[in-house]
Amino acid sequence: MEKYHQVPAEPFHQSNERMGPADTELRKEILAGEFAHDGDPVLTAHIQAGHSQDIGSMLLRVVQQEVAQPPPIDACKALSMANALEKIEPPTPWAVIA
């Protein structure tokens, strides 16, 4: 018998309008020493691999480095989105994906 698990999910479109404030806030918190983690090597590598891109209005986006095979930044982007949902944006009802 298969068992299904429900996972809470929140859509987070990766437009400049949404990611700009999220990435800018995360960078501010990291530089201010307001953010810490347990030293996870994957998260550390993904954060270090991120490159900031000015998108105007005093906002930035974290983007991949412009090299032939850029290192991944997925964990950094996920952290930025989760941080924004927690601190910047008002809470919304969770969608449940079964």
PDB file of N, CA and C in Angstrom:
ATOM      1  N   MET A   1       0.842  -1.178   0.000  1.00  0.00           N
ATOM      2  CA  MET A   1       0.000   0.000   0.000  1.00  0.00           C
ATOM      3  C   MET A   1       0.892   1.247   0.000  1.00  0.00           C
ATOM      4  N   GLU A   2       0.620   2.145  -0.939  1.00  0.00           N
ATOM      5  CA  GLU A   2       1.393   3.385  -1.003  1.00  0.00           C
ATOM      6  C   GLU A   2       0.899   4.362   0.049  1.00  0.00           C
ATOM      7  N   LYS A   3       1.848   5.080   0.610  1.00  0.00           N
ATOM      8  CA  LYS A   3       1.499   6.082   1.596  1.00  0.00           C
ATOM      9  C   LYS A   3       1.878   7.449   1.028  1.00  0.00           C
ATOM     10  N   TYR A   4       0.967   8.387   1.054  1.00  0.00           N
ATOM     11  CA  TYR A   4       1.227   9.724   0.538  1.00  0.00           C
ATOM     12  C   TYR A   4       1.498  10.671   1.697  1.00  0.00           C
ATOM     13  N   HIS A   5       2.404  11.572   1.445  1.00  0.00           N
ATOM     14  CA  HIS A   5       2.728  12.582   2.435  1.00  0.00           C
ATOM     15  C   HIS A   5       2.359  13.941   1.866  1.00  0.00           C
ATOM     16  N   GLN A   6       1.848  14.799   2.707  1.00  0.00           N
ATOM     17  CA  GLN A   6       1.541  16.147   2.269  1.00  0.00           C
ATOM     18  C   GLN A   6       2.703  17.056   2.627  1.00  0.00           C
ATOM     19  N   VAL A   7       3.060  17.907   1.683  1.00  0.00           N
ATOM     20  CA  VAL A   7       4.166  18.831   1.878  1.00  0.00           C
ATOM     21  C   VAL A   7       3.643  20.245   1.682  1.00  0.00           C
ATOM     22  N   PRO A   8       3.819  21.122   2.668  1.00  0.00           N
ATOM     23  CA  PRO A   8       3.370  22.502   2.472  1.00  0.00           C
ATOM     24  C   PRO A   8       4.241  23.183   1.418  1.00  0.00           C
ATOM     25  N   ALA A   9       3.609  23.943   0.542  1.00  0.00           N
ATOM     26  CA  ALA A   9       4.343  24.621  -0.527  1.00  0.00           C
ATOM     27  C   ALA A   9       3.821  26.037  -0.695  1.00  0.00           C
ATOM     28  N   GLU A  10       4.695  26.932  -1.079  1.00  0.00           N
ATOM     29  CA  GLU A  10       4.345  28.327  -1.317  1.00  0.00           C
ATOM     30  C   GLU A  10       4.954  28.731  -2.652  1.00  0.00           C
ATOM     31  N   PRO A  11       4.154  29.165  -3.613  1.00  0.00           N
ATOM     32  CA  PRO A  11       4.728  29.616  -4.881  1.00  0.00           C
ATOM     33  C   PRO A  11       5.628  30.826  -4.650  1.00  0.00           C
ATOM     34  N   PHE A  12       6.731  30.883  -5.352  1.00  0.00           N
ATOM     35  CA  PHE A  12       7.640  32.025  -5.238  1.00  0.00           C
ATOM     36  C   PHE A  12       8.237  32.277  -6.621  1.00  0.00           C
ATOM     37  N   HIS A  13       7.603  33.179  -7.362  1.00  0.00           N
ATOM     38  CA  HIS A  13       8.069  33.487  -8.710  1.00  0.00           C
ATOM     39  C   HIS A  13       9.403  34.210  -8.639  1.00  0.00           C
ATOM     40  N   GLN A  14      10.300  33.878  -9.538  1.00  0.00           N
ATOM     41  CA  GLN A  14      11.657  34.411  -9.471  1.00  0.00           C
ATOM     42  C   GLN A  14      11.848  35.611 -10.400  1.00  0.00           C
ATOM     43  N   SER A  15      10.911  36.545 -10.332  1.00  0.00           N
ATOM     44  CA  SER A  15      11.025  37.792 -11.090  1.00  0.00           C
ATOM     45  C   SER A  15      11.925  38.761 -10.321  1.00  0.00           C
ATOM     46  N   ASN A  16      12.418  39.787 -11.015  1.00  0.00           N
ATOM     47  CA  ASN A  16      13.215  40.811 -10.328  1.00  0.00           C
ATOM     48  C   ASN A  16      12.419  41.479  -9.211  1.00  0.00           C
ATOM     49  N   GLU A  17      11.123  41.677  -9.438  1.00  0.00           N
ATOM     50  CA  GLU A  17      10.281  42.340  -8.446  1.00  0.00           C
ATOM     51  C   GLU A  17      10.181  41.547  -7.146  1.00  0.00           C
ATOM     52  N   ARG A  18      10.279  40.244  -7.250  1.00  0.00           N
ATOM     53  CA  ARG A  18      10.160  39.407  -6.053  1.00  0.00           C
ATOM     54  C   ARG A  18      11.524  39.004  -5.505  1.00  0.00           C
ATOM     55  N   MET A  19      12.455  38.636  -6.380  1.00  0.00           N
ATOM     56  CA  MET A  19      13.764  38.180  -5.915  1.00  0.00           C
ATOM     57  C   MET A  19      14.672  39.337  -5.508  1.00  0.00           C
ATOM     58  N   GLY A  20      14.487  40.518  -6.105  1.00  0.00           N
ATOM     59  CA  GLY A  20      15.320  41.665  -5.734  1.00  0.00           C
ATOM     60  C   GLY A  20      15.262  41.968  -4.251  1.00  0.00           C
ATOM     61  N   PRO A  21      14.063  42.198  -3.698  1.00  0.00           N
ATOM     62  CA  PRO A  21      13.981  42.444  -2.254  1.00  0.00           C
ATOM     63  C   PRO A  21      14.453  41.250  -1.417  1.00  0.00           C
ATOM     64  N   ALA A  22      14.153  40.030  -1.876  1.00  0.00           N
ATOM     65  CA  ALA A  22      14.548  38.834  -1.123  1.00  0.00           C
ATOM     66  C   ALA A  22      16.066  38.693  -1.064  1.00  0.00           C
ATOM     67  N   ASP A  23      16.729  38.793  -2.222  1.00  0.00           N
ATOM     68  CA  ASP A  23      18.186  38.641  -2.261  1.00  0.00           C
ATOM     69  C   ASP A  23      18.891  39.798  -1.555  1.00  0.00           C
ATOM     70  N   THR A  24      18.356  41.007  -1.699  1.00  0.00           N
ATOM     71  CA  THR A  24      18.946  42.178  -1.045  1.00  0.00           C
ATOM     72  C   THR A  24      18.879  42.026   0.471  1.00  0.00           C
ATOM     73  N   GLU A  25      17.748  41.578   0.980  1.00  0.00           N
ATOM     74  CA  GLU A  25      17.584  41.387   2.429  1.00  0.00           C
ATOM     75  C   GLU A  25      18.513  40.299   2.949  1.00  0.00           C
ATOM     76  N   LEU A  26      18.615  39.188   2.234  1.00  0.00           N
ATOM     77  CA  LEU A  26      19.496  38.106   2.673  1.00  0.00           C
ATOM     78  C   LEU A  26      20.940  38.587   2.735  1.00  0.00           C
ATOM     79  N   ARG A  27      21.390  39.285   1.714  1.00  0.00           N
ATOM     80  CA  ARG A  27      22.769  39.794   1.688  1.00  0.00           C
ATOM     81  C   ARG A  27      23.009  40.747   2.864  1.00  0.00           C
ATOM     82  N   LYS A  28      22.050  41.636   3.106  1.00  0.00           N
ATOM     83  CA  LYS A  28      22.167  42.582   4.226  1.00  0.00           C
ATOM     84  C   LYS A  28      22.314  41.837   5.549  1.00  0.00           C
ATOM     85  N   GLU A  29      21.502  40.826   5.753  1.00  0.00           N
ATOM     86  CA  GLU A  29      21.544  40.068   7.003  1.00  0.00           C
ATOM     87  C   GLU A  29      22.852  39.287   7.151  1.00  0.00           C
ATOM     88  N   ILE A  30      23.332  38.706   6.054  1.00  0.00           N
ATOM     89  CA  ILE A  30      24.598  37.966   6.118  1.00  0.00           C
ATOM     90  C   ILE A  30      25.739  38.911   6.466  1.00  0.00           C
ATOM     91  N   LEU A  31      25.820  40.057   5.780  1.00  0.00           N
ATOM     92  CA  LEU A  31      26.910  41.014   6.023  1.00  0.00           C
ATOM     93  C   LEU A  31      26.849  41.628   7.413  1.00  0.00           C
ATOM     94  N   ALA A  32      25.654  41.765   7.964  1.00  0.00           N
ATOM     95  CA  ALA A  32      25.485  42.332   9.299  1.00  0.00           C
ATOM     96  C   ALA A  32      25.709  41.299  10.401  1.00  0.00           C
ATOM     97  N   GLY A  33      25.964  40.054  10.012  1.00  0.00           N
ATOM     98  CA  GLY A  33      26.173  38.998  11.000  1.00  0.00           C
ATOM     99  C   GLY A  33      24.892  38.557  11.668  1.00  0.00           C
ATOM    100  N   GLU A  34      23.760  38.858  11.041  1.00  0.00           N
ATOM    101  CA  GLU A  34      22.457  38.493  11.602  1.00  0.00           C
ATOM    102  C   GLU A  34      22.017  37.097  11.177  1.00  0.00           C
ATOM    103  N   PHE A  35      22.796  36.479  10.328  1.00  0.00           N
ATOM    104  CA  PHE A  35      22.414  35.180   9.807  1.00  0.00           C
ATOM    105  C   PHE A  35      23.557  34.215  10.023  1.00  0.00           C
ATOM    106  N   ALA A  36      23.256  33.052  10.517  1.00  0.00           N
ATOM    107  CA  ALA A  36      24.280  32.030  10.740  1.00  0.00           C
ATOM    108  C   ALA A  36      23.685  30.666  10.403  1.00  0.00           C
ATOM    109  N   HIS A  37      24.566  29.717  10.098  1.00  0.00           N
ATOM    110  CA  HIS A  37      24.105  28.345   9.891  1.00  0.00           C
ATOM    111  C   HIS A  37      25.142  27.401  10.477  1.00  0.00           C
ATOM    112  N   ASP A  38      24.859  26.129  10.407  1.00  0.00           N
ATOM    113  CA  ASP A  38      25.685  25.125  11.089  1.00  0.00           C
ATOM    114  C   ASP A  38      26.949  24.733  10.331  1.00  0.00           C
ATOM    115  N   GLY A  39      27.283  25.456   9.255  1.00  0.00           N
ATOM    116  CA  GLY A  39      28.491  25.133   8.506  1.00  0.00           C
ATOM    117  C   GLY A  39      28.284  24.096   7.420  1.00  0.00           C
ATOM    118  N   ASP A  40      27.034  23.822   7.086  1.00  0.00           N
ATOM    119  CA  ASP A  40      26.748  22.844   6.043  1.00  0.00           C
ATOM    120  C   ASP A  40      27.567  23.177   4.795  1.00  0.00           C
ATOM    121  N   PRO A  41      28.367  22.227   4.293  1.00  0.00           N
ATOM    122  CA  PRO A  41      29.258  22.530   3.170  1.00  0.00           C
ATOM    123  C   PRO A  41      28.528  22.857   1.862  1.00  0.00           C
ATOM    124  N   VAL A  42      27.371  22.262   1.639  1.00  0.00           N
ATOM    125  CA  VAL A  42      26.621  22.549   0.409  1.00  0.00           C
ATOM    126  C   VAL A  42      26.099  23.985   0.444  1.00  0.00           C
ATOM    127  N   LEU A  43      25.474  24.376   1.556  1.00  0.00           N
ATOM    128  CA  LEU A  43      24.969  25.747   1.670  1.00  0.00           C
ATOM    129  C   LEU A  43      26.113  26.747   1.583  1.00  0.00           C
ATOM    130  N   THR A  44      27.205  26.471   2.248  1.00  0.00           N
ATOM    131  CA  THR A  44      28.368  27.367   2.200  1.00  0.00           C
ATOM    132  C   THR A  44      28.857  27.545   0.767  1.00  0.00           C
ATOM    133  N   ALA A  45      29.003  26.452   0.039  1.00  0.00           N
ATOM    134  CA  ALA A  45      29.486  26.518  -1.348  1.00  0.00           C
ATOM    135  C   ALA A  45      28.518  27.279  -2.244  1.00  0.00           C
ATOM    136  N   HIS A  46      27.226  27.049  -2.062  1.00  0.00           N
ATOM    137  CA  HIS A  46      26.238  27.715  -2.903  1.00  0.00           C
ATOM    138  C   HIS A  46      26.192  29.213  -2.617  1.00  0.00           C
ATOM    139  N   ILE A  47      26.327  29.601  -1.363  1.00  0.00           N
ATOM    140  CA  ILE A  47      26.340  31.034  -1.024  1.00  0.00           C
ATOM    141  C   ILE A  47      27.603  31.685  -1.578  1.00  0.00           C
ATOM    142  N   GLN A  48      28.730  31.035  -1.420  1.00  0.00           N
ATOM    143  CA  GLN A  48      29.984  31.587  -1.926  1.00  0.00           C
ATOM    144  C   GLN A  48      29.999  31.664  -3.451  1.00  0.00           C
ATOM    145  N   ALA A  49      29.263  30.802  -4.122  1.00  0.00           N
ATOM    146  CA  ALA A  49      29.240  30.787  -5.588  1.00  0.00           C
ATOM    147  C   ALA A  49      28.351  31.883  -6.167  1.00  0.00           C
ATOM    148  N   GLY A  50      27.470  32.446  -5.354  1.00  0.00           N
ATOM    149  CA  GLY A  50      26.566  33.473  -5.848  1.00  0.00           C
ATOM    150  C   GLY A  50      27.295  34.754  -6.222  1.00  0.00           C
ATOM    151  N   HIS A  51      26.800  35.409  -7.244  1.00  0.00           N
ATOM    152  CA  HIS A  51      27.355  36.671  -7.726  1.00  0.00           C
ATOM    153  C   HIS A  51      26.223  37.695  -7.677  1.00  0.00           C
ATOM    154  N   SER A  52      26.483  38.881  -7.151  1.00  0.00           N
ATOM    155  CA  SER A  52      25.410  39.878  -7.075  1.00  0.00           C
ATOM    156  C   SER A  52      25.323  40.670  -8.374  1.00  0.00           C
ATOM    157  N   GLN A  53      24.097  40.937  -8.779  1.00  0.00           N
ATOM    158  CA  GLN A  53      23.831  41.707  -9.990  1.00  0.00           C
ATOM    159  C   GLN A  53      22.916  42.863  -9.610  1.00  0.00           C
ATOM    160  N   ASP A  54      23.336  44.090  -9.886  1.00  0.00           N
ATOM    161  CA  ASP A  54      22.539  45.278  -9.593  1.00  0.00           C
ATOM    162  C   ASP A  54      21.339  45.309 -10.532  1.00  0.00           C
ATOM    163  N   ILE A  55      20.139  45.429  -9.960  1.00  0.00           N
ATOM    164  CA  ILE A  55      18.937  45.504 -10.795  1.00  0.00           C
ATOM    165  C   ILE A  55      18.222  46.837 -10.613  1.00  0.00           C
ATOM    166  N   GLY A  56      18.904  47.828 -10.037  1.00  0.00           N
ATOM    167  CA  GLY A  56      18.325  49.154  -9.872  1.00  0.00           C
ATOM    168  C   GLY A  56      17.533  49.296  -8.585  1.00  0.00           C
ATOM    169  N   SER A  57      17.147  50.521  -8.298  1.00  0.00           N
ATOM    170  CA  SER A  57      16.371  50.851  -7.093  1.00  0.00           C
ATOM    171  C   SER A  57      17.018  50.311  -5.825  1.00  0.00           C
ATOM    172  N   MET A  58      18.353  50.309  -5.789  1.00  0.00           N
ATOM    173  CA  MET A  58      19.117  49.822  -4.641  1.00  0.00           C
ATOM    174  C   MET A  58      18.837  48.355  -4.330  1.00  0.00           C
ATOM    175  N   LEU A  59      18.509  47.576  -5.353  1.00  0.00           N
ATOM    176  CA  LEU A  59      18.245  46.151  -5.201  1.00  0.00           C
ATOM    177  C   LEU A  59      19.278  45.355  -5.984  1.00  0.00           C
ATOM    178  N   LEU A  60      19.481  44.122  -5.540  1.00  0.00           N
ATOM    179  CA  LEU A  60      20.374  43.224  -6.252  1.00  0.00           C
ATOM    180  C   LEU A  60      19.725  41.863  -6.364  1.00  0.00           C
ATOM    181  N   ARG A  61      20.262  41.069  -7.263  1.00  0.00           N
ATOM    182  CA  ARG A  61      19.853  39.672  -7.382  1.00  0.00           C
ATOM    183  C   ARG A  61      21.092  38.818  -7.280  1.00  0.00           C
ATOM    184  N   VAL A  62      20.941  37.652  -6.682  1.00  0.00           N
ATOM    185  CA  VAL A  62      22.023  36.675  -6.654  1.00  0.00           C
ATOM    186  C   VAL A  62      21.877  35.847  -7.921  1.00  0.00           C
ATOM    187  N   VAL A  63      22.944  35.818  -8.718  1.00  0.00           N
ATOM    188  CA  VAL A  63      22.931  35.098  -9.983  1.00  0.00           C
ATOM    189  C   VAL A  63      24.159  34.188 -10.049  1.00  0.00           C
ATOM    190  N   GLN A  64      24.146  33.282 -11.009  1.00  0.00           N
ATOM    191  CA  GLN A  64      25.306  32.412 -11.201  1.00  0.00           C
ATOM    192  C   GLN A  64      26.451  33.207 -11.808  1.00  0.00           C
ATOM    193  N   GLN A  65      27.652  32.768 -11.525  1.00  0.00           N
ATOM    194  CA  GLN A  65      28.832  33.399 -12.089  1.00  0.00           C
ATOM    195  C   GLN A  65      28.837  33.192 -13.603  1.00  0.00           C
ATOM    196  N   GLU A  66      29.401  34.153 -14.313  1.00  0.00           N
ATOM    197  CA  GLU A  66      29.460  34.062 -15.771  1.00  0.00           C
ATOM    198  C   GLU A  66      30.735  33.343 -16.200  1.00  0.00           C
ATOM    199  N   VAL A  67      30.718  32.038 -16.021  1.00  0.00           N
ATOM    200  CA  VAL A  67      31.826  31.179 -16.431  1.00  0.00           C
ATOM    201  C   VAL A  67      31.235  30.004 -17.205  1.00  0.00           C
ATOM    202  N   ALA A  68      32.086  29.250 -17.882  1.00  0.00           N
ATOM    203  CA  ALA A  68      31.618  28.144 -18.720  1.00  0.00           C
ATOM    204  C   ALA A  68      30.733  27.151 -17.962  1.00  0.00           C
ATOM    205  N   GLN A  69      31.153  26.744 -16.788  1.00  0.00           N
ATOM    206  CA  GLN A  69      30.362  25.819 -15.978  1.00  0.00           C
ATOM    207  C   GLN A  69      30.212  26.417 -14.574  1.00  0.00           C
ATOM    208  N   PRO A  70      29.213  27.289 -14.403  1.00  0.00           N
ATOM    209  CA  PRO A  70      29.075  27.955 -13.107  1.00  0.00           C
ATOM    210  C   PRO A  70      28.703  26.976 -12.003  1.00  0.00           C
ATOM    211  N   PRO A  71      29.257  27.193 -10.812  1.00  0.00           N
ATOM    212  CA  PRO A  71      28.867  26.338  -9.690  1.00  0.00           C
ATOM    213  C   PRO A  71      27.414  26.618  -9.310  1.00  0.00           C
ATOM    214  N   PRO A  72      26.737  25.639  -8.726  1.00  0.00           N
ATOM    215  CA  PRO A  72      25.322  25.814  -8.382  1.00  0.00           C
ATOM    216  C   PRO A  72      25.116  26.824  -7.259  1.00  0.00           C
ATOM    217  N   ILE A  73      23.956  27.488  -7.318  1.00  0.00           N
ATOM    218  CA  ILE A  73      23.570  28.433  -6.260  1.00  0.00           C
ATOM    219  C   ILE A  73      22.158  28.129  -5.747  1.00  0.00           C
ATOM    220  N   ASP A  74      21.646  26.942  -6.040  1.00  0.00           N
ATOM    221  CA  ASP A  74      20.263  26.595  -5.704  1.00  0.00           C
ATOM    222  C   ASP A  74      19.951  26.731  -4.216  1.00  0.00           C
ATOM    223  N   ALA A  75      20.851  26.277  -3.355  1.00  0.00           N
ATOM    224  CA  ALA A  75      20.599  26.369  -1.918  1.00  0.00           C
ATOM    225  C   ALA A  75      20.552  27.826  -1.470  1.00  0.00           C
ATOM    226  N   CYS A  76      21.365  28.673  -2.076  1.00  0.00           N
ATOM    227  CA  CYS A  76      21.355  30.100  -1.761  1.00  0.00           C
ATOM    228  C   CYS A  76      20.020  30.726  -2.166  1.00  0.00           C
ATOM    229  N   LYS A  77      19.537  30.384  -3.357  1.00  0.00           N
ATOM    230  CA  LYS A  77      18.258  30.920  -3.825  1.00  0.00           C
ATOM    231  C   LYS A  77      17.105  30.429  -2.938  1.00  0.00           C
ATOM    232  N   ALA A  78      17.136  29.155  -2.556  1.00  0.00           N
ATOM    233  CA  ALA A  78      16.090  28.615  -1.691  1.00  0.00           C
ATOM    234  C   ALA A  78      16.099  29.318  -0.340  1.00  0.00           C
ATOM    235  N   LEU A  79      17.290  29.570   0.192  1.00  0.00           N
ATOM    236  CA  LEU A  79      17.405  30.284   1.463  1.00  0.00           C
ATOM    237  C   LEU A  79      16.853  31.696   1.328  1.00  0.00           C
ATOM    238  N   SER A  80      17.160  32.361   0.241  1.00  0.00           N
ATOM    239  CA  SER A  80      16.672  33.718   0.018  1.00  0.00           C
ATOM    240  C   SER A  80      15.147  33.752  -0.032  1.00  0.00           C
ATOM    241  N   MET A  81      14.555  32.806  -0.740  1.00  0.00           N
ATOM    242  CA  MET A  81      13.093  32.754  -0.840  1.00  0.00           C
ATOM    243  C   MET A  81      12.457  32.448   0.516  1.00  0.00           C
ATOM    244  N   ALA A  82      13.001  31.488   1.239  1.00  0.00           N
ATOM    245  CA  ALA A  82      12.456  31.140   2.556  1.00  0.00           C
ATOM    246  C   ALA A  82      12.593  32.300   3.528  1.00  0.00           C
ATOM    247  N   ASN A  83      13.728  32.981   3.487  1.00  0.00           N
ATOM    248  CA  ASN A  83      13.949  34.131   4.360  1.00  0.00           C
ATOM    249  C   ASN A  83      12.948  35.244   4.044  1.00  0.00           C
ATOM    250  N   ALA A  84      12.693  35.470   2.758  1.00  0.00           N
ATOM    251  CA  ALA A  84      11.732  36.502   2.360  1.00  0.00           C
ATOM    252  C   ALA A  84      10.333  36.158   2.837  1.00  0.00           C
ATOM    253  N   LEU A  85       9.952  34.904   2.697  1.00  0.00           N
ATOM    254  CA  LEU A  85       8.623  34.499   3.159  1.00  0.00           C
ATOM    255  C   LEU A  85       8.488  34.689   4.658  1.00  0.00           C
ATOM    256  N   GLU A  86       9.578  34.489   5.384  1.00  0.00           N
ATOM    257  CA  GLU A  86       9.558  34.626   6.836  1.00  0.00           C
ATOM    258  C   GLU A  86       9.576  36.078   7.286  1.00  0.00           C
ATOM    259  N   LYS A  87      10.342  36.941   6.596  1.00  0.00           N
ATOM    260  CA  LYS A  87      10.586  38.277   7.122  1.00  0.00           C
ATOM    261  C   LYS A  87      10.023  39.432   6.324  1.00  0.00           C
ATOM    262  N   ILE A  88       9.909  39.290   5.023  1.00  0.00           N
ATOM    263  CA  ILE A  88       9.524  40.428   4.194  1.00  0.00           C
ATOM    264  C   ILE A  88       8.046  40.412   3.848  1.00  0.00           C
ATOM    265  N   GLU A  89       7.555  39.273   3.413  1.00  0.00           N
ATOM    266  CA  GLU A  89       6.215  39.201   2.871  1.00  0.00           C
ATOM    267  C   GLU A  89       5.202  38.749   3.910  1.00  0.00           C
ATOM    268  N   PRO A  90       3.989  39.255   3.815  1.00  0.00           N
ATOM    269  CA  PRO A  90       2.964  38.799   4.758  1.00  0.00           C
ATOM    270  C   PRO A  90       2.653  37.315   4.527  1.00  0.00           C
ATOM    271  N   PRO A  91       2.310  36.628   5.577  1.00  0.00           N
ATOM    272  CA  PRO A  91       2.007  35.193   5.424  1.00  0.00           C
ATOM    273  C   PRO A  91       0.784  34.986   4.535  1.00  0.00           C
ATOM    274  N   THR A  92       0.829  33.922   3.769  1.00  0.00           N
ATOM    275  CA  THR A  92      -0.314  33.533   2.934  1.00  0.00           C
ATOM    276  C   THR A  92      -0.682  32.110   3.294  1.00  0.00           C
ATOM    277  N   PRO A  93      -1.905  31.716   2.994  1.00  0.00           N
ATOM    278  CA  PRO A  93      -2.297  30.325   3.296  1.00  0.00           C
ATOM    279  C   PRO A  93      -1.418  29.355   2.520  1.00  0.00           C
ATOM    280  N   TRP A  94      -1.096  28.248   3.144  1.00  0.00           N
ATOM    281  CA  TRP A  94      -0.256  27.215   2.506  1.00  0.00           C
ATOM    282  C   TRP A  94      -1.080  26.431   1.522  1.00  0.00           C
ATOM    283  N   ALA A  95      -0.487  26.130   0.398  1.00  0.00           N
ATOM    284  CA  ALA A  95      -1.078  25.184  -0.545  1.00  0.00           C
ATOM    285  C   ALA A  95      -0.522  23.817  -0.188  1.00  0.00           C
ATOM    286  N   VAL A  96      -1.303  22.801  -0.289  1.00  0.00           N
ATOM    287  CA  VAL A  96      -0.842  21.460   0.034  1.00  0.00           C
ATOM    288  C   VAL A  96      -0.791  20.643  -1.243  1.00  0.00           C
ATOM    289  N   ILE A  97       0.376  20.080  -1.511  1.00  0.00           N
ATOM    290  CA  ILE A  97       0.562  19.224  -2.671  1.00  0.00           C
ATOM    291  C   ILE A  97       0.656  17.792  -2.170  1.00  0.00           C
ATOM    292  N   ALA A  98      -0.256  16.968  -2.625  1.00  0.00           N
ATOM    293  CA  ALA A  98      -0.261  15.570  -2.170  1.00  0.00           C
ATOM    294  C   ALA A  98       0.507  14.704  -3.126  1.00  0.00           C
TER     295      ALA A  98
END
